[in-house]
């Protein structure tokens, strides 16, 4: 099973909110995730809330691929600069 860390939209119209999730890469964007890793709300400050950094590092160590948007968010937060992010 190929695991991917990506965003899953959960907000309503004109109020986007996303969950950062670990999911099977073959699932739909809003399909059932393996694990919820955090929240991203682009219209609020701070954008990233309740992020489980230890679980993100775990999934990356297990070979999970990180989507481009999530990779940019994690680098912006500055928490995973030294980690091998694919």
N, C-alpha and C. Protein backbone atom coordinates (compact mmCIF):
# COMPACT_ATOMS: atom_id res chain seq x y z
N UNK A 1 0.84 -1.18 0.00
CA UNK A 1 0.00 0.00 0.00
C UNK A 1 0.89 1.25 0.00
N UNK A 2 0.63 2.14 -0.93
CA UNK A 2 1.38 3.38 -1.03
C UNK A 2 0.69 4.46 -0.21
N UNK A 3 1.36 4.94 0.81
CA UNK A 3 0.79 5.95 1.70
C UNK A 3 1.25 7.33 1.25
N UNK A 4 0.32 8.27 1.30
CA UNK A 4 0.62 9.63 0.90
C UNK A 4 0.05 10.58 1.96
N UNK A 5 0.81 11.61 2.30
CA UNK A 5 0.36 12.63 3.23
C UNK A 5 -0.14 13.79 2.37
N UNK A 6 -1.43 14.09 2.50
CA UNK A 6 -2.01 15.13 1.66
C UNK A 6 -3.15 15.83 2.39
N UNK A 7 -3.78 16.79 1.70
CA UNK A 7 -4.88 17.55 2.29
C UNK A 7 -6.21 16.92 1.92
N UNK A 8 -7.16 16.98 2.86
CA UNK A 8 -8.53 16.53 2.63
C UNK A 8 -9.45 17.69 2.98
N UNK A 9 -10.24 18.14 2.04
CA UNK A 9 -11.11 19.30 2.27
C UNK A 9 -12.30 18.91 3.15
N UNK A 10 -12.56 19.74 4.16
CA UNK A 10 -13.69 19.52 5.05
C UNK A 10 -14.52 20.77 5.25
N UNK A 11 -14.13 21.91 4.68
CA UNK A 11 -14.85 23.16 4.88
C UNK A 11 -16.06 23.29 3.99
N UNK A 12 -16.83 24.33 4.24
CA UNK A 12 -18.00 24.59 3.40
C UNK A 12 -17.63 25.57 2.29
N UNK A 13 -18.59 25.92 1.45
CA UNK A 13 -18.35 26.86 0.36
C UNK A 13 -17.85 28.19 0.89
N UNK A 14 -16.84 28.74 0.27
CA UNK A 14 -16.25 30.04 0.59
C UNK A 14 -15.58 30.09 1.96
N UNK A 15 -15.43 28.96 2.64
CA UNK A 15 -14.72 28.89 3.91
C UNK A 15 -13.90 27.60 3.91
N UNK A 16 -12.82 27.57 3.14
CA UNK A 16 -12.06 26.32 3.02
C UNK A 16 -11.33 25.97 4.32
N UNK A 17 -11.40 24.71 4.68
CA UNK A 17 -10.63 24.14 5.77
C UNK A 17 -10.20 22.76 5.32
N UNK A 18 -9.02 22.36 5.74
CA UNK A 18 -8.48 21.09 5.30
C UNK A 18 -7.93 20.32 6.50
N UNK A 19 -7.90 19.01 6.36
CA UNK A 19 -7.20 18.15 7.31
C UNK A 19 -5.96 17.63 6.61
N UNK A 20 -4.87 17.56 7.34
CA UNK A 20 -3.67 16.90 6.83
C UNK A 20 -3.82 15.43 7.22
N UNK A 21 -3.82 14.54 6.23
CA UNK A 21 -4.11 13.14 6.49
C UNK A 21 -3.07 12.24 5.85
N UNK A 22 -2.89 11.06 6.44
CA UNK A 22 -2.14 9.98 5.82
C UNK A 22 -3.18 9.05 5.22
N UNK A 23 -3.08 8.81 3.92
CA UNK A 23 -4.09 8.01 3.25
C UNK A 23 -3.45 7.14 2.17
N UNK A 24 -4.17 6.14 1.76
CA UNK A 24 -3.74 5.30 0.65
C UNK A 24 -3.79 6.18 -0.60
N UNK A 25 -2.75 6.16 -1.41
CA UNK A 25 -2.68 7.05 -2.56
C UNK A 25 -3.75 6.76 -3.59
N UNK A 26 -4.37 5.60 -3.53
CA UNK A 26 -5.41 5.26 -4.50
C UNK A 26 -6.80 5.72 -4.08
N UNK A 27 -6.93 6.23 -2.85
CA UNK A 27 -8.22 6.71 -2.35
C UNK A 27 -8.55 8.08 -2.96
N UNK A 28 -9.82 8.42 -2.96
CA UNK A 28 -10.26 9.74 -3.41
C UNK A 28 -9.78 10.80 -2.44
N UNK A 29 -9.79 12.06 -2.88
CA UNK A 29 -9.31 13.15 -2.03
C UNK A 29 -10.07 13.20 -0.72
N UNK A 30 -11.35 12.95 -0.75
CA UNK A 30 -12.17 13.00 0.47
C UNK A 30 -12.50 11.60 0.98
N UNK A 31 -11.71 10.60 0.59
CA UNK A 31 -11.94 9.24 1.05
C UNK A 31 -11.50 9.07 2.50
N UNK A 32 -11.72 7.88 3.03
CA UNK A 32 -11.39 7.61 4.43
C UNK A 32 -9.87 7.59 4.63
N UNK A 33 -9.35 8.42 5.54
CA UNK A 33 -7.91 8.46 5.78
C UNK A 33 -7.47 7.35 6.74
N UNK A 34 -6.18 7.03 6.68
CA UNK A 34 -5.61 6.10 7.66
C UNK A 34 -5.47 6.80 9.01
N UNK A 35 -5.08 8.09 8.97
CA UNK A 35 -4.88 8.84 10.22
C UNK A 35 -4.96 10.33 9.91
N UNK A 36 -5.60 11.08 10.80
CA UNK A 36 -5.65 12.54 10.69
C UNK A 36 -4.43 13.08 11.43
N UNK A 37 -3.63 13.92 10.74
CA UNK A 37 -2.37 14.40 11.30
C UNK A 37 -2.40 15.86 11.71
N UNK A 38 -3.40 16.60 11.29
CA UNK A 38 -3.47 18.01 11.66
C UNK A 38 -4.53 18.73 10.87
N UNK A 39 -4.59 20.04 11.08
CA UNK A 39 -5.58 20.89 10.40
C UNK A 39 -4.87 22.05 9.74
N UNK A 40 -5.43 22.49 8.59
CA UNK A 40 -4.93 23.64 7.85
C UNK A 40 -6.11 24.51 7.49
N UNK A 41 -6.06 25.77 7.90
CA UNK A 41 -7.13 26.71 7.61
C UNK A 41 -6.49 27.95 6.99
N UNK A 42 -6.55 28.08 5.65
CA UNK A 42 -5.83 29.16 4.99
C UNK A 42 -6.35 30.56 5.30
N UNK A 43 -7.54 30.70 5.83
CA UNK A 43 -8.10 32.02 6.11
C UNK A 43 -7.90 32.46 7.55
N UNK A 44 -7.31 31.62 8.39
CA UNK A 44 -7.11 31.97 9.79
C UNK A 44 -5.62 32.09 10.09
N UNK A 45 -5.32 32.66 11.21
CA UNK A 45 -3.94 32.80 11.64
C UNK A 45 -3.81 32.15 13.01
N UNK A 46 -2.98 31.21 13.29
CA UNK A 46 -2.04 30.56 12.38
C UNK A 46 -2.75 29.57 11.46
N UNK A 47 -2.16 29.35 10.30
CA UNK A 47 -2.78 28.47 9.31
C UNK A 47 -2.79 27.01 9.76
N UNK A 48 -1.69 26.55 10.34
CA UNK A 48 -1.59 25.17 10.82
C UNK A 48 -1.97 25.10 12.29
N UNK A 49 -2.91 24.22 12.60
CA UNK A 49 -3.31 24.04 14.00
C UNK A 49 -3.35 22.55 14.33
N UNK A 50 -3.09 22.25 15.55
CA UNK A 50 -3.14 20.89 16.10
C UNK A 50 -2.44 19.85 15.21
N UNK A 51 -1.20 20.14 14.86
CA UNK A 51 -0.43 19.23 14.01
C UNK A 51 0.31 18.22 14.88
N UNK A 52 0.21 16.96 14.52
CA UNK A 52 0.90 15.88 15.23
C UNK A 52 2.25 15.66 14.55
N UNK A 53 3.26 16.44 14.96
CA UNK A 53 4.57 16.39 14.30
C UNK A 53 5.22 15.03 14.42
N UNK A 54 5.06 14.37 15.57
CA UNK A 54 5.68 13.06 15.75
C UNK A 54 5.08 12.02 14.79
N UNK A 55 3.77 12.10 14.55
CA UNK A 55 3.14 11.15 13.63
C UNK A 55 3.50 11.45 12.18
N UNK A 56 3.67 12.73 11.84
CA UNK A 56 4.12 13.06 10.49
C UNK A 56 5.51 12.51 10.25
N UNK A 57 6.41 12.68 11.23
CA UNK A 57 7.76 12.12 11.11
C UNK A 57 7.72 10.60 11.02
N UNK A 58 6.81 9.97 11.76
CA UNK A 58 6.67 8.52 11.69
C UNK A 58 6.29 8.07 10.29
N UNK A 59 5.25 8.69 9.71
CA UNK A 59 4.79 8.28 8.38
C UNK A 59 5.86 8.53 7.32
N UNK A 60 6.61 9.62 7.46
CA UNK A 60 7.69 9.88 6.51
C UNK A 60 8.78 8.82 6.65
N UNK A 61 9.07 8.41 7.89
CA UNK A 61 10.09 7.37 8.09
C UNK A 61 9.63 6.02 7.56
N UNK A 62 8.32 5.82 7.45
CA UNK A 62 7.78 4.58 6.92
C UNK A 62 7.68 4.61 5.39
N UNK A 63 8.10 5.71 4.77
CA UNK A 63 8.13 5.80 3.32
C UNK A 63 6.96 6.51 2.68
N UNK A 64 6.18 7.23 3.47
CA UNK A 64 5.04 7.96 2.91
C UNK A 64 5.53 9.13 2.06
N UNK A 65 4.87 9.35 0.93
CA UNK A 65 5.17 10.50 0.09
C UNK A 65 4.36 11.69 0.60
N UNK A 66 4.92 12.87 0.48
CA UNK A 66 4.25 14.08 0.93
C UNK A 66 3.85 14.90 -0.30
N UNK A 67 2.60 15.35 -0.35
CA UNK A 67 2.15 16.14 -1.49
C UNK A 67 2.89 17.48 -1.50
N UNK A 68 2.88 18.14 -2.66
CA UNK A 68 3.61 19.40 -2.81
C UNK A 68 3.09 20.48 -1.86
N UNK A 69 1.78 20.59 -1.72
CA UNK A 69 1.20 21.62 -0.85
C UNK A 69 1.54 21.36 0.62
N UNK A 70 1.45 20.11 1.05
CA UNK A 70 1.76 19.79 2.45
C UNK A 70 3.25 20.00 2.70
N UNK A 71 4.08 19.64 1.73
CA UNK A 71 5.53 19.85 1.86
C UNK A 71 5.83 21.34 2.04
N UNK A 72 5.17 22.19 1.27
CA UNK A 72 5.37 23.64 1.40
C UNK A 72 4.89 24.14 2.76
N UNK A 73 3.78 23.62 3.24
CA UNK A 73 3.27 24.04 4.55
C UNK A 73 4.22 23.63 5.68
N UNK A 74 4.75 22.42 5.61
CA UNK A 74 5.66 21.95 6.64
C UNK A 74 6.97 22.73 6.64
N UNK A 75 7.46 23.06 5.45
CA UNK A 75 8.69 23.85 5.37
C UNK A 75 8.45 25.26 5.87
N UNK A 76 7.27 25.81 5.58
CA UNK A 76 6.92 27.16 6.06
C UNK A 76 6.86 27.19 7.58
N UNK A 77 6.35 26.11 8.18
CA UNK A 77 6.29 26.02 9.64
C UNK A 77 7.68 25.81 10.23
N UNK A 78 8.61 25.28 9.42
CA UNK A 78 10.00 25.14 9.87
C UNK A 78 10.27 23.96 10.77
N UNK A 79 9.35 23.02 10.86
CA UNK A 79 9.52 21.89 11.78
C UNK A 79 10.28 20.73 11.17
N UNK A 80 10.17 20.51 9.88
CA UNK A 80 10.77 19.33 9.27
C UNK A 80 11.86 19.67 8.27
N UNK A 81 12.67 20.66 8.57
CA UNK A 81 13.72 21.04 7.64
C UNK A 81 14.79 19.97 7.46
N UNK A 82 15.13 19.27 8.53
CA UNK A 82 16.20 18.28 8.46
C UNK A 82 15.72 16.90 8.02
N UNK A 83 14.42 16.69 7.98
CA UNK A 83 13.88 15.36 7.66
C UNK A 83 13.92 15.12 6.15
N UNK A 84 13.97 13.86 5.79
CA UNK A 84 13.94 13.46 4.39
C UNK A 84 12.49 13.49 3.92
N UNK A 85 12.10 14.56 3.27
CA UNK A 85 10.74 14.67 2.75
C UNK A 85 10.79 14.37 1.26
N UNK A 86 10.05 13.34 0.85
CA UNK A 86 10.05 12.96 -0.57
C UNK A 86 9.08 13.77 -1.36
